[in-house]
């Protein structure tokens, strides 16, 4: 009975803590135009500089995530998790008090460095608290904040910016964060590795340069599309601070790629206390689940920024209206996640993930055919279907990747899964943005402004030219969106095929009854062989 109560205490603590960190990744997006206006007087902030409010945060999280498992092993998973939430909360308060853009970016980087451990360690805490036959249900419940938080961010951010002050998008984290830390302090139990935990210094440096370089290059390599609709005018431009051809992007991608390859080689042969145990990829299930996870973040999350562009640039909705229209995706996914998680406990991930990507293929094709006059009710219906696909794919692949991993390896395995997904999410956004901007630019090259005849032009000739240019832009931008959605269609089709190799129904399915019993390879078997006193899960069961 005590253990039954404790595992749901872990769910409450993890959901409350990670919800804030996940939501903050999107709540700031809608405030960028406001921040550009506010800080324009202190040095003429352009969109490239203001963009670092988001890029710095994402980059910091991507750098810290690979280190989360090591920190948990060395200092205790509860302690590191709560310090992560507390640091994130304090940095949020500093962001709200920032006197200028420089300090806002600095505090956002600190915020990302502090909060980067929350999601992988929250996942590990949740996984360790539940027996194998109930983890689908647990991760289904955990899936609610994973999909609701990013969708709620633009709505909350838009409302606060429009009706209050931009600083409240950071101040709102303070009471939530303090309450989350308090709940975790009272409810969670500590577990950490026994004895001395050495630090993989070389692996840490290579991970810092590898993950950091790739995330920086991908975040700044993709051109930024901007549309304006004042008086019917519309433009498209690329950021002057990045671009695939800039030396900063080329250098960061090159250094990141080389360092990540060296990191993988170093970690593979470092059998004693690797920072991230890449030997887990020797397991077919772990590898297949991660490949599907990488594809899914491109097909699902990578494409999430396309529809807001369509709604705001082409349909003229405000950020708040756009956020409200996107809510059906989160609602449908959040409602279904617990049921799908429980179903996975019974039949395994294969059928669920295959069905999810099958639905995503159809849904993405429908989005690629959107017109300039599509009804909002139809768009909301498509978003509901996309939410169903998200629920069928997101948590089942994460659970499949971590199934059978020994408790000792769990924090670092979760860090590996989350860190690698962040790279592919950045890659997806970069590729889709490049397709969108390049297609729009190429389409606009064929546009010819109407030329006046030999007779004097009519009085409204400038308005005619402006309207013709705006109409050409809308059709070019729509074609760019269609081409970008076709990429997500292709990756969804690829994931559909790969998902057929996951374990589960219609073959005989039995959830792993303990660590190392699901065929996860020698790496996890080594960890599973640890004495009972080094197993976080067994400690929890004994304490319960």
Protein backbone atom coordinates (compact mmCIF):
# COMPACT_ATOMS: atom_id res chain seq x y z
CA UNK A 1 0.00 0.00 0.00
CA UNK A 2 2.83 2.36 0.86
CA UNK A 3 4.58 1.66 -2.43
CA UNK A 4 1.29 2.17 -4.29
CA UNK A 5 1.03 5.61 -2.71
CA UNK A 6 4.68 6.49 -3.34
CA UNK A 7 4.68 5.76 -7.07
CA UNK A 8 1.78 8.18 -7.59
CA UNK A 9 3.55 10.73 -5.41
CA UNK A 10 6.42 10.50 -7.89
CA UNK A 11 3.98 11.10 -10.75
CA UNK A 12 2.60 14.21 -9.05
CA UNK A 13 6.07 15.58 -8.30
CA UNK A 14 7.47 14.93 -11.77
CA UNK A 15 4.44 16.29 -13.63
CA UNK A 16 4.37 19.44 -11.52
CA UNK A 17 8.09 20.08 -11.93
CA UNK A 18 8.59 19.29 -15.60
CA UNK A 19 5.40 21.05 -16.74
CA UNK A 20 6.93 24.44 -15.97
CA UNK A 21 10.21 23.71 -17.77
CA UNK A 22 8.52 22.29 -20.86
CA UNK A 23 6.01 25.14 -21.12
CA UNK A 24 8.74 27.76 -20.84
CA UNK A 25 10.24 26.53 -24.11
CA UNK A 26 7.21 27.91 -26.00
CA UNK A 27 5.71 30.58 -23.76
CA UNK A 28 8.42 33.08 -24.76
CA UNK A 29 8.00 32.62 -28.51
CA UNK A 30 5.01 34.92 -28.87
CA UNK A 31 6.78 37.67 -26.90
CA UNK A 32 9.67 38.11 -29.36
CA UNK A 33 8.10 41.02 -31.29
CA UNK A 34 7.30 42.74 -28.00
CA UNK A 35 10.84 42.21 -26.71
CA UNK A 36 12.26 43.62 -29.92
CA UNK A 37 10.17 46.76 -29.45
CA UNK A 38 10.94 47.10 -25.74
CA UNK A 39 14.71 46.78 -26.12
CA UNK A 40 15.04 48.66 -29.42
CA UNK A 41 16.02 51.83 -27.57
CA UNK A 42 18.97 50.23 -25.79
CA UNK A 43 21.18 49.64 -28.79
CA UNK A 44 18.73 48.91 -31.59
CA UNK A 45 17.91 45.25 -31.02
CA UNK A 46 17.21 43.35 -34.24
CA UNK A 47 15.38 40.06 -34.65
CA UNK A 48 18.67 38.12 -34.69
CA UNK A 49 19.67 39.48 -31.29
CA UNK A 50 16.23 38.96 -29.73
CA UNK A 51 16.14 35.43 -31.13
CA UNK A 52 18.90 34.55 -28.66
CA UNK A 53 16.32 34.78 -25.88
CA UNK A 54 15.08 31.45 -27.28
CA UNK A 55 18.26 30.09 -28.88
CA UNK A 56 20.36 30.61 -25.74
CA UNK A 57 17.79 28.77 -23.64
CA UNK A 58 17.56 25.81 -26.04
CA UNK A 59 21.34 25.65 -26.43
CA UNK A 60 21.87 25.62 -22.65
CA UNK A 61 19.33 22.82 -22.13
CA UNK A 62 20.96 20.79 -24.91
CA UNK A 63 24.38 21.13 -23.28
CA UNK A 64 23.26 20.14 -19.78
CA UNK A 65 20.96 17.24 -20.69
CA UNK A 66 23.82 14.77 -21.45
CA UNK A 67 25.34 15.56 -18.02
CA UNK A 68 22.14 14.91 -16.04
CA UNK A 69 22.76 11.19 -15.49
CA UNK A 70 26.29 11.74 -14.20
CA UNK A 71 25.13 14.46 -11.80
CA UNK A 72 22.36 12.19 -10.48
CA UNK A 73 24.76 9.30 -9.90
CA UNK A 74 27.26 11.51 -8.11
CA UNK A 75 24.99 13.70 -5.97
CA UNK A 76 21.65 11.85 -5.88
CA UNK A 77 18.77 11.99 -8.32
CA UNK A 78 16.35 13.74 -5.94
CA UNK A 79 18.89 16.41 -4.99
CA UNK A 80 19.89 17.20 -8.57
CA UNK A 81 16.28 17.18 -9.78
CA UNK A 82 15.14 19.60 -7.07
CA UNK A 83 18.19 21.86 -7.52
CA UNK A 84 17.38 21.93 -11.22
CA UNK A 85 13.84 23.11 -10.51
CA UNK A 86 14.98 25.63 -7.89
CA UNK A 87 17.68 27.07 -10.16
CA UNK A 88 15.17 27.33 -13.00
CA UNK A 89 12.72 29.15 -10.73
CA UNK A 90 15.30 31.67 -9.49
CA UNK A 91 16.57 32.29 -13.02
CA UNK A 92 12.96 32.91 -14.11
CA UNK A 93 12.67 35.66 -11.51
CA UNK A 94 15.91 37.20 -12.77
CA UNK A 95 14.58 37.10 -16.36
CA UNK A 96 11.51 39.03 -15.26
CA UNK A 97 13.75 41.65 -13.62
CA UNK A 98 16.21 41.93 -16.53
CA UNK A 99 17.05 45.63 -17.18
CA UNK A 100 18.18 45.12 -20.80
CA UNK A 101 18.45 42.52 -23.55
CA UNK A 102 21.96 41.40 -22.61
CA UNK A 103 20.94 40.42 -19.10
CA UNK A 104 17.72 38.81 -20.33
CA UNK A 105 19.70 36.55 -22.65
CA UNK A 106 22.22 35.82 -19.89
CA UNK A 107 19.49 34.88 -17.41
CA UNK A 108 17.73 32.75 -20.05
CA UNK A 109 20.98 30.80 -20.57
CA UNK A 110 21.24 30.30 -16.80
CA UNK A 111 17.60 29.21 -16.82
CA UNK A 112 18.36 26.58 -19.47
CA UNK A 113 21.50 25.37 -17.67
CA UNK A 114 19.50 24.97 -14.46
CA UNK A 115 16.44 23.30 -15.99
CA UNK A 116 18.23 20.98 -18.42
CA UNK A 117 18.33 18.11 -15.93
CA UNK A 118 14.64 18.20 -15.03
CA UNK A 119 13.14 16.23 -17.94
CA UNK A 120 15.65 13.32 -18.16
CA UNK A 121 15.77 12.89 -14.37
CA UNK A 122 12.01 13.23 -14.06
CA UNK A 123 11.70 10.45 -16.62
CA UNK A 124 14.16 8.29 -14.68
CA UNK A 125 12.34 8.90 -11.39
CA UNK A 126 9.05 7.91 -12.94
CA UNK A 127 10.45 4.81 -14.61
CA UNK A 128 12.08 3.57 -11.40
CA UNK A 129 8.98 4.04 -9.25
CA UNK A 130 6.70 1.74 -11.29
CA UNK A 131 6.95 -2.00 -11.93
CA UNK A 132 7.39 -2.96 -15.61
CA UNK A 133 3.76 -3.99 -16.08
CA UNK A 134 2.50 -0.52 -15.05
CA UNK A 135 5.01 1.76 -16.76
CA UNK A 136 2.82 2.29 -19.79
CA UNK A 137 0.11 3.77 -17.60
CA UNK A 138 2.64 5.91 -15.73
CA UNK A 139 4.17 7.27 -18.93
CA UNK A 140 0.72 7.79 -20.38
CA UNK A 141 -0.11 10.08 -17.47
CA UNK A 142 3.29 11.73 -17.83
CA UNK A 143 2.49 12.31 -21.50
CA UNK A 144 -0.19 14.84 -20.55
CA UNK A 145 2.24 17.64 -19.56
CA UNK A 146 4.55 16.72 -22.45
CA UNK A 147 1.88 17.68 -24.98
CA UNK A 148 -0.27 20.16 -23.03
CA UNK A 149 2.60 22.34 -21.78
CA UNK A 150 4.00 23.27 -25.23
CA UNK A 151 0.48 23.97 -26.52
CA UNK A 152 -0.50 26.03 -23.50
CA UNK A 153 2.67 28.14 -23.72
CA UNK A 154 1.63 30.32 -26.68
CA UNK A 155 -1.86 30.83 -25.23
CA UNK A 156 -0.56 31.90 -21.83
CA UNK A 157 2.27 33.94 -23.32
CA UNK A 158 -0.02 35.67 -25.78
CA UNK A 159 -2.53 36.55 -23.06
CA UNK A 160 0.12 37.92 -20.70
CA UNK A 161 1.85 39.96 -23.40
CA UNK A 162 -1.43 41.32 -24.77
CA UNK A 163 -3.25 42.07 -21.52
CA UNK A 164 -0.51 42.42 -18.87
CA UNK A 165 3.27 42.75 -19.24
CA UNK A 166 5.91 40.60 -20.90
CA UNK A 167 7.74 40.21 -17.56
CA UNK A 168 4.88 38.10 -16.20
CA UNK A 169 5.72 35.26 -18.61
CA UNK A 170 8.76 34.73 -16.35
CA UNK A 171 7.29 35.76 -12.99
CA UNK A 172 4.53 33.17 -13.35
CA UNK A 173 7.18 30.44 -12.99
CA UNK A 174 8.18 31.57 -9.50
CA UNK A 175 5.17 30.39 -7.43
CA UNK A 176 4.78 27.27 -9.60
CA UNK A 177 8.46 26.41 -9.24
CA UNK A 178 8.59 26.96 -5.49
CA UNK A 179 5.52 24.80 -5.03
CA UNK A 180 7.03 22.10 -7.26
CA UNK A 181 10.27 22.09 -5.24
CA UNK A 182 8.31 21.87 -2.00
CA UNK A 183 6.23 18.94 -3.25
CA UNK A 184 9.32 17.10 -4.46
CA UNK A 185 11.19 17.77 -1.21
CA UNK A 186 8.42 16.18 0.88
CA UNK A 187 7.37 13.34 -1.44
CA UNK A 188 10.45 12.08 -3.28
CA UNK A 189 13.00 9.66 -1.87
CA UNK A 190 16.70 9.92 -2.52
CA UNK A 191 18.73 7.29 -4.34
CA UNK A 192 22.25 7.49 -5.68
CA UNK A 193 25.13 5.27 -6.60
CA UNK A 194 27.12 3.77 -3.76
CA UNK A 195 30.80 4.63 -3.51
CA UNK A 196 32.83 7.08 -5.53
CA UNK A 197 31.46 8.06 -8.94
CA UNK A 198 34.30 9.19 -11.24
CA UNK A 199 33.80 12.00 -13.72
CA UNK A 200 34.40 11.41 -17.41
CA UNK A 201 36.14 14.72 -18.10
CA UNK A 202 37.09 14.04 -21.72
CA UNK A 203 33.60 12.75 -22.47
CA UNK A 204 32.14 15.86 -20.87
CA UNK A 205 34.25 18.20 -23.02
CA UNK A 206 33.44 16.27 -26.20
CA UNK A 207 29.73 16.24 -25.33
CA UNK A 208 29.80 19.98 -24.63
CA UNK A 209 31.43 20.76 -27.97
CA UNK A 210 29.48 18.13 -29.90
CA UNK A 211 25.95 18.78 -28.70
CA UNK A 212 26.55 22.50 -28.27
CA UNK A 213 28.11 22.94 -31.71
CA UNK A 214 25.36 21.06 -33.53
CA UNK A 215 22.56 22.81 -31.66
CA UNK A 216 24.10 26.24 -32.27
CA UNK A 217 24.68 25.54 -35.97
CA UNK A 218 21.22 24.12 -36.56
CA UNK A 219 19.52 26.92 -34.62
CA UNK A 220 21.31 29.65 -36.57
CA UNK A 221 21.69 27.98 -39.95
CA UNK A 222 18.03 27.94 -40.87
CA UNK A 223 16.74 31.17 -42.43
CA UNK A 224 13.98 32.98 -40.59
CA UNK A 225 10.78 33.65 -42.46
CA UNK A 226 8.91 36.79 -41.55
CA UNK A 227 5.66 37.95 -42.95
CA UNK A 228 3.89 41.23 -42.61
CA UNK A 229 0.40 42.00 -43.64
CA UNK A 230 0.05 45.68 -43.11
CA UNK A 231 -2.07 47.19 -45.85
CA UNK A 232 -1.92 43.93 -47.72
CA UNK A 233 1.85 43.91 -47.99
CA UNK A 234 3.84 40.82 -47.25
CA UNK A 235 7.53 40.18 -47.29
CA UNK A 236 9.90 37.38 -46.69
CA UNK A 237 13.41 37.81 -45.43
CA UNK A 238 16.27 35.79 -44.09
CA UNK A 239 18.14 36.46 -40.91
CA UNK A 240 21.35 38.39 -41.35
CA UNK A 241 22.87 36.74 -38.28
CA UNK A 242 22.97 33.17 -39.61
CA UNK A 243 22.41 31.15 -42.75
CA UNK A 244 23.96 27.88 -43.86
CA UNK A 245 26.75 29.70 -45.67
CA UNK A 246 27.96 31.82 -42.74
CA UNK A 247 31.35 30.90 -41.30
CA UNK A 248 29.93 30.70 -37.77
CA UNK A 249 27.40 28.07 -38.77
CA UNK A 250 29.84 26.08 -40.91
CA UNK A 251 32.44 26.10 -38.11
CA UNK A 252 29.99 25.14 -35.35
CA UNK A 253 28.44 22.31 -37.40
CA UNK A 254 31.87 20.99 -38.37
CA UNK A 255 33.23 21.09 -34.82
CA UNK A 256 30.00 19.65 -33.43
CA UNK A 257 29.94 16.79 -35.93
CA UNK A 258 33.58 15.81 -35.37
CA UNK A 259 33.34 16.07 -31.58
CA UNK A 260 30.12 14.04 -31.49
CA UNK A 261 31.75 11.25 -33.54
CA UNK A 262 34.79 11.26 -31.24
CA UNK A 263 32.44 11.32 -28.24
CA UNK A 264 30.61 8.23 -29.51
CA UNK A 265 33.89 6.34 -30.08
CA UNK A 266 35.27 7.36 -26.67
CA UNK A 267 32.09 6.42 -24.81
CA UNK A 268 31.77 3.09 -26.64
CA UNK A 269 35.20 1.89 -25.55
CA UNK A 270 35.10 3.48 -22.08
CA UNK A 271 33.56 0.56 -20.24
CA UNK A 272 33.99 2.13 -16.80
CA UNK A 273 31.62 4.99 -16.00
CA UNK A 274 30.92 6.41 -19.45
CA UNK A 275 29.13 9.77 -19.43
CA UNK A 276 26.47 8.38 -21.80
CA UNK A 277 26.49 4.63 -22.33
CA UNK A 278 26.31 4.44 -26.12
CA UNK A 279 26.73 0.66 -25.82
CA UNK A 280 22.98 0.65 -25.23
CA UNK A 281 22.66 1.00 -29.01
CA UNK A 282 23.83 -2.62 -29.24
CA UNK A 283 20.30 -3.51 -28.22
CA UNK A 284 17.95 -3.75 -31.25
CA UNK A 285 14.93 -2.54 -29.26
CA UNK A 286 16.77 0.47 -27.85
CA UNK A 287 18.15 1.40 -31.27
CA UNK A 288 14.87 0.98 -33.16
CA UNK A 289 12.90 2.91 -30.53
CA UNK A 290 15.40 5.76 -30.64
CA UNK A 291 15.42 5.91 -34.43
CA UNK A 292 11.64 6.15 -34.36
CA UNK A 293 11.89 8.79 -31.63
CA UNK A 294 14.31 10.86 -33.73
CA UNK A 295 12.04 10.62 -36.75
CA UNK A 296 8.98 11.43 -34.67
CA UNK A 297 10.37 14.72 -33.34
CA UNK A 298 10.98 15.79 -36.94
CA UNK A 299 7.58 14.64 -38.15
CA UNK A 300 5.61 15.84 -35.12
CA UNK A 301 7.43 18.63 -33.29
CA UNK A 302 9.55 19.84 -36.18
CA UNK A 303 6.36 20.57 -38.11
CA UNK A 304 4.62 22.27 -35.20
CA UNK A 305 6.04 25.67 -36.16
CA UNK A 306 4.60 25.45 -39.70
CA UNK A 307 0.94 25.78 -38.81
CA UNK A 308 1.37 28.91 -36.62
CA UNK A 309 3.14 30.54 -39.58
CA UNK A 310 0.22 29.63 -41.83
CA UNK A 311 -2.33 30.99 -39.34
CA UNK A 312 -0.50 34.23 -38.56
CA UNK A 313 1.23 35.12 -41.83
CA UNK A 314 -1.44 33.95 -44.28
CA UNK A 315 -4.64 34.05 -42.25
CA UNK A 316 -3.86 37.10 -40.08
CA UNK A 317 -4.58 35.57 -36.66
CA UNK A 318 -2.99 37.03 -33.54
CA UNK A 319 -0.60 34.88 -31.47
CA UNK A 320 -3.29 34.40 -28.83
CA UNK A 321 -5.88 33.33 -31.43
CA UNK A 322 -3.32 30.97 -32.96
CA UNK A 323 -2.56 29.39 -29.59
CA UNK A 324 -6.25 28.85 -28.88
CA UNK A 325 -6.78 27.22 -32.27
CA UNK A 326 -3.87 24.84 -31.63
CA UNK A 327 -5.27 23.61 -28.30
CA UNK A 328 -7.33 20.71 -29.78
CA UNK A 329 -4.06 18.92 -30.56
CA UNK A 330 -2.97 19.00 -26.92
CA UNK A 331 -6.44 18.20 -25.58
CA UNK A 332 -6.96 15.10 -27.71
CA UNK A 333 -3.45 13.84 -27.03
CA UNK A 334 -3.67 14.53 -23.31
CA UNK A 335 -7.00 12.70 -22.96
CA UNK A 336 -5.79 9.62 -24.83
CA UNK A 337 -2.26 9.31 -23.37
CA UNK A 338 -3.19 7.44 -20.14
CA UNK A 339 -5.42 4.97 -22.02
CA UNK A 340 -2.78 4.34 -24.68
CA UNK A 341 -0.17 3.88 -21.97
CA UNK A 342 -2.30 1.27 -20.25
CA UNK A 343 -2.92 -0.46 -23.57
CA UNK A 344 0.83 -0.59 -24.20
CA UNK A 345 1.26 -2.50 -20.94
CA UNK A 346 -0.96 -5.22 -22.42
CA UNK A 347 0.02 -5.40 -26.11
CA UNK A 348 3.40 -3.68 -26.38
CA UNK A 349 4.41 -0.70 -28.54
CA UNK A 350 4.37 -2.09 -32.09
CA UNK A 351 0.70 -1.82 -33.02
CA UNK A 352 0.31 1.57 -31.29
CA UNK A 353 3.30 3.20 -32.97
CA UNK A 354 2.49 1.75 -36.39
CA UNK A 355 -1.09 3.03 -36.10
CA UNK A 356 0.18 6.42 -34.94
CA UNK A 357 2.49 6.91 -37.90
CA UNK A 358 -0.14 5.59 -40.29
CA UNK A 359 -2.50 8.28 -39.03
CA UNK A 360 0.30 10.85 -39.16
CA UNK A 361 0.98 10.06 -42.82
CA UNK A 362 -2.65 10.77 -43.74
CA UNK A 363 -2.83 13.81 -41.46
CA UNK A 364 0.36 15.38 -42.84
CA UNK A 365 -0.88 14.92 -46.39
CA UNK A 366 -4.07 16.76 -45.42
CA UNK A 367 -2.08 19.65 -43.95
CA UNK A 368 0.01 19.92 -47.13
CA UNK A 369 -3.22 20.59 -49.07
CA UNK A 370 -4.44 23.52 -46.93
CA UNK A 371 -5.76 26.46 -48.94
CA UNK A 372 -5.97 30.16 -48.11
CA UNK A 373 -9.67 29.84 -47.30
CA UNK A 374 -9.71 26.61 -45.27
CA UNK A 375 -12.30 26.70 -42.48
CA UNK A 376 -10.97 26.89 -38.94
CA UNK A 377 -13.30 24.06 -37.91
CA UNK A 378 -11.61 21.75 -40.42
CA UNK A 379 -8.15 22.81 -39.21
CA UNK A 380 -9.23 22.08 -35.62
CA UNK A 381 -10.43 18.63 -36.74
CA UNK A 382 -7.03 17.93 -38.36
CA UNK A 383 -5.33 18.99 -35.14
CA UNK A 384 -7.45 16.54 -33.14
CA UNK A 385 -6.28 13.74 -35.44
CA UNK A 386 -2.69 14.90 -35.09
CA UNK A 387 -3.10 14.81 -31.31
CA UNK A 388 -4.24 11.20 -31.52
CA UNK A 389 -1.16 10.36 -33.60
CA UNK A 390 1.04 12.15 -31.07
CA UNK A 391 -0.40 10.11 -28.19
CA UNK A 392 0.16 6.88 -30.12
CA UNK A 393 3.80 7.68 -30.88
CA UNK A 394 5.43 9.91 -28.26
CA UNK A 395 5.29 7.99 -24.98
CA UNK A 396 5.26 4.43 -26.42
CA UNK A 397 8.60 5.03 -28.19
CA UNK A 398 10.15 6.58 -25.08
CA UNK A 399 8.96 3.70 -22.93
CA UNK A 400 10.16 1.13 -25.46
CA UNK A 401 13.62 2.73 -25.52
CA UNK A 402 13.97 2.52 -21.72
CA UNK A 403 12.32 -0.88 -21.18
CA UNK A 404 14.56 -3.43 -19.53
CA UNK A 405 17.31 -0.98 -18.63
CA UNK A 406 18.74 -1.57 -15.16
CA UNK A 407 18.09 1.07 -12.49
CA UNK A 408 21.77 1.93 -12.24
CA UNK A 409 21.91 2.80 -15.94
CA UNK A 410 18.55 4.56 -16.07
CA UNK A 411 19.52 8.23 -15.42
CA UNK A 412 22.26 8.15 -18.06
CA UNK A 413 20.09 6.23 -20.52
CA UNK A 414 17.32 8.82 -20.12
CA UNK A 415 19.89 11.59 -20.66
CA UNK A 416 21.08 9.89 -23.84
CA UNK A 417 17.54 9.55 -25.21
CA UNK A 418 16.58 13.17 -24.45
CA UNK A 419 19.89 14.66 -25.65
CA UNK A 420 19.77 12.86 -28.98
CA UNK A 421 16.14 13.84 -29.53
CA UNK A 422 16.99 17.52 -28.99
CA UNK A 423 19.50 17.33 -31.86
CA UNK A 424 16.96 15.86 -34.26
CA UNK A 425 14.26 18.31 -33.21
CA UNK A 426 16.61 21.20 -34.02
CA UNK A 427 17.51 19.48 -37.31
CA UNK A 428 13.84 19.10 -38.22
CA UNK A 429 13.04 22.76 -37.59
CA UNK A 430 16.12 23.86 -39.52
CA UNK A 431 15.32 21.71 -42.56
CA UNK A 432 11.66 22.72 -42.64
CA UNK A 433 12.47 26.41 -42.27
CA UNK A 434 15.01 26.16 -45.09
CA UNK A 435 12.51 24.45 -47.40
CA UNK A 436 9.86 27.04 -46.54
CA UNK A 437 12.06 30.09 -47.17
CA UNK A 438 13.86 28.75 -50.24
CA UNK A 439 10.60 27.68 -51.91
CA UNK A 440 8.95 31.03 -51.17
CA UNK A 441 11.95 32.96 -52.47
CA UNK A 442 12.14 30.91 -55.68
CA UNK A 443 8.42 31.31 -56.27
CA UNK A 444 8.62 35.08 -55.82
CA UNK A 445 11.40 35.36 -58.41
CA UNK A 446 8.86 34.53 -61.09
CA UNK A 447 6.54 37.31 -59.98
CA UNK A 448 6.40 40.28 -62.31
CA UNK A 449 4.86 43.50 -61.05
CA UNK A 450 2.14 44.81 -63.38
CA UNK A 451 3.55 47.47 -65.67
CA UNK A 452 1.56 50.55 -66.59
CA UNK A 453 0.57 51.04 -70.20
CA UNK A 454 1.62 54.01 -72.28
CA UNK A 455 -1.40 55.81 -70.91
CA UNK A 456 -1.19 57.52 -67.51
CA UNK A 457 -1.60 54.94 -64.71
CA UNK A 458 -4.83 54.98 -62.75
CA UNK A 459 -4.80 56.78 -59.42
CA UNK A 460 -4.88 53.51 -57.49
CA UNK A 461 -1.96 51.97 -59.41
CA UNK A 462 0.33 51.75 -56.30
CA UNK A 463 -2.40 49.88 -54.45
CA UNK A 464 -2.82 47.51 -57.41
CA UNK A 465 0.91 46.70 -57.40
CA UNK A 466 0.91 46.23 -53.63
CA UNK A 467 -2.06 43.89 -53.72
CA UNK A 468 -0.55 41.88 -56.57
CA UNK A 469 2.70 41.50 -54.63
CA UNK A 470 0.84 40.44 -51.50
CA UNK A 471 -1.17 37.87 -53.45
CA UNK A 472 2.01 36.49 -55.05
CA UNK A 473 3.63 36.21 -51.62
CA UNK A 474 0.67 34.36 -50.13
CA UNK A 475 0.68 31.76 -52.88
CA UNK A 476 4.48 31.41 -52.74
CA UNK A 477 4.41 31.02 -48.96
CA UNK A 478 1.62 28.45 -49.20
CA UNK A 479 3.67 26.45 -51.70
CA UNK A 480 6.63 26.60 -49.31
CA UNK A 481 4.46 25.26 -46.49
CA UNK A 482 3.22 22.46 -48.74
CA UNK A 483 6.78 21.43 -49.65
CA UNK A 484 7.86 21.51 -45.99
CA UNK A 485 4.92 19.33 -44.99
CA UNK A 486 5.91 16.87 -47.70
CA UNK A 487 9.20 16.31 -45.83
CA UNK A 488 7.29 15.42 -42.67
CA UNK A 489 5.13 13.12 -44.80
CA UNK A 490 8.26 11.32 -46.00
CA UNK A 491 9.76 10.89 -42.52
CA UNK A 492 6.42 9.64 -41.16
CA UNK A 493 6.35 7.01 -43.92
CA UNK A 494 9.91 5.97 -43.02
CA UNK A 495 9.00 5.71 -39.33
CA UNK A 496 5.95 3.60 -40.20
CA UNK A 497 8.25 0.99 -41.75
CA UNK A 498 10.79 1.05 -38.90
CA UNK A 499 8.02 0.74 -36.29
CA UNK A 500 7.10 -2.69 -37.69
CA UNK A 501 10.29 -4.02 -36.05
CA UNK A 502 9.30 -2.97 -32.52
CA UNK A 503 8.27 -5.72 -30.08
CA UNK A 504 4.61 -6.31 -29.33
CA UNK A 505 1.36 -7.63 -30.74
CA UNK A 506 0.53 -9.52 -32.99
CA UNK A 507 3.54 -11.53 -31.80
CA UNK A 508 3.49 -12.76 -28.21
CA UNK A 509 4.06 -9.83 -25.87
CA UNK A 510 5.15 -9.91 -22.26
CA UNK A 511 6.48 -6.80 -20.57
CA UNK A 512 9.94 -7.24 -19.03
CA UNK A 513 9.55 -8.48 -15.46
CA UNK A 514 12.77 -6.89 -14.29
CA UNK A 515 15.94 -5.14 -15.37
CA UNK A 516 17.91 -6.76 -18.12
CA UNK A 517 15.20 -9.29 -19.11
CA UNK A 518 14.03 -7.65 -22.31
CA UNK A 519 17.06 -8.39 -24.41
CA UNK A 520 18.53 -4.96 -24.04
CA UNK A 521 22.05 -6.19 -24.62
CA UNK A 522 25.16 -6.64 -22.53
CA UNK A 523 25.39 -3.03 -21.48
CA UNK A 524 22.19 -3.14 -19.50
CA UNK A 525 22.78 -6.67 -18.35
CA UNK A 526 25.99 -5.49 -16.69
CA UNK A 527 24.08 -2.81 -14.85
CA UNK A 528 21.26 -5.15 -13.93
CA UNK A 529 23.74 -7.44 -12.21
CA UNK A 530 24.47 -4.83 -9.54
CA UNK A 531 23.70 -5.74 -5.92
CA UNK A 532 20.22 -4.92 -4.61
CA UNK A 533 21.45 -2.06 -2.47
CA UNK A 534 22.59 -0.21 -5.62
CA UNK A 535 19.21 -0.51 -7.30
CA UNK A 536 17.01 2.55 -6.97
CA UNK A 537 13.91 0.55 -7.77
CA UNK A 538 14.62 -2.10 -5.17
CA UNK A 539 15.38 0.56 -2.57
CA UNK A 540 12.01 2.10 -3.26
CA UNK A 541 10.25 -1.25 -2.97
CA UNK A 542 12.04 -2.02 0.29
CA UNK A 543 11.21 1.40 1.68
CA UNK A 544 7.57 0.91 0.68
